[in-house]
Amino acid sequence: MTYENEGKLIKNGSGRWEIIFKDEYSFELTSGCSCEVKIGPHWIYTTIEFGRDAYYATTPGVQLYKGQPARRL
């Protein structure tokens, strides 16, 4: 199933993660934002936080990377 809020992660010029959607619209993920990222066949819920000069996923074991499928909640 494909959601209209589903896209891929990129890092913008400010060092923040964004979800880029098919129509090239993007949604910037800042501290406290919730999203789901796809790892293998599973969608994993996480929130985004900032620390040690980088934005990261708070869910243990979840690493964010460019091109990773993600969806906005």
Protein backbone atom coordinates (compact mmCIF):
# COMPACT_ATOMS: atom_id res chain seq x y z
CA MET A 1 0.00 0.00 0.00
CA THR A 2 1.34 3.44 -0.91
CA TYR A 3 0.42 6.49 1.13
CA GLU A 4 0.25 9.94 -0.40
CA ASN A 5 2.45 11.09 2.48
CA GLU A 6 5.18 8.60 1.58
CA GLY A 7 8.48 9.75 0.11
CA LYS A 8 12.25 9.48 0.52
CA LEU A 9 14.66 11.08 2.97
CA ILE A 10 17.27 13.65 2.01
CA LYS A 11 19.40 15.97 4.11
CA ASN A 12 18.98 19.66 3.33
CA GLY A 13 21.57 22.43 3.44
CA SER A 14 20.77 23.10 7.12
CA GLY A 15 21.62 19.50 8.06
CA ARG A 16 17.97 18.63 8.70
CA TRP A 17 16.24 15.59 7.25
CA GLU A 18 13.39 16.19 4.77
CA ILE A 19 10.89 13.85 3.19
CA ILE A 20 10.67 14.48 -0.56
CA PHE A 21 7.39 13.43 -2.14
CA LYS A 22 6.65 12.44 -5.77
CA ASP A 23 5.43 15.92 -6.69
CA GLU A 24 8.76 17.30 -5.36
CA TYR A 25 7.04 18.83 -2.32
CA SER A 26 9.14 18.37 0.79
CA PHE A 27 8.50 18.29 4.53
CA GLU A 28 11.33 19.24 6.88
CA LEU A 29 11.74 17.08 9.98
CA THR A 30 12.81 19.15 12.98
CA SER A 31 13.21 18.24 16.65
CA GLY A 32 10.07 16.55 17.98
CA CYS A 33 8.65 15.60 14.55
CA SER A 34 7.20 12.10 14.24
CA CYS A 35 7.54 9.94 11.16
CA GLU A 36 7.88 6.35 10.07
CA VAL A 37 10.87 4.99 8.18
CA LYS A 38 10.97 1.76 6.24
CA ILE A 39 13.52 -0.83 7.28
CA GLY A 40 13.22 -3.98 5.21
CA PRO A 41 9.51 -4.73 4.88
CA HIS A 42 8.59 -2.90 8.11
CA TRP A 43 7.55 0.66 8.87
CA ILE A 44 9.16 1.83 12.13
CA TYR A 45 7.79 4.77 14.12
CA THR A 46 10.36 7.28 15.35
CA THR A 47 10.78 10.89 16.34
CA ILE A 48 13.54 13.23 15.27
CA GLU A 49 15.81 15.03 17.73
CA PHE A 50 18.97 17.12 17.56
CA GLY A 51 22.15 16.44 19.51
CA ARG A 52 25.90 16.35 19.02
CA ASP A 53 25.52 18.63 16.00
CA ALA A 54 23.22 16.29 14.04
CA TYR A 55 19.57 15.28 13.65
CA TYR A 56 18.85 11.64 14.44
CA ALA A 57 16.04 9.11 14.97
CA THR A 58 15.24 8.40 18.63
CA THR A 59 14.15 4.78 18.12
CA PRO A 60 17.01 2.46 19.16
CA GLY A 61 18.74 0.85 16.18
CA VAL A 62 17.20 3.16 13.56
CA GLN A 63 19.75 4.87 11.34
CA LEU A 64 18.56 7.45 8.82
CA TYR A 65 20.07 7.56 5.34
CA LYS A 66 19.59 9.39 2.05
CA GLY A 67 16.92 7.75 -0.11
CA GLN A 68 15.35 5.80 2.76
CA PRO A 69 11.57 5.46 2.37
CA ALA A 70 9.79 7.59 4.96
CA ARG A 71 6.31 8.85 5.63
CA ARG A 72 4.90 11.76 7.51
CA LEU A 73 2.40 11.09 10.27
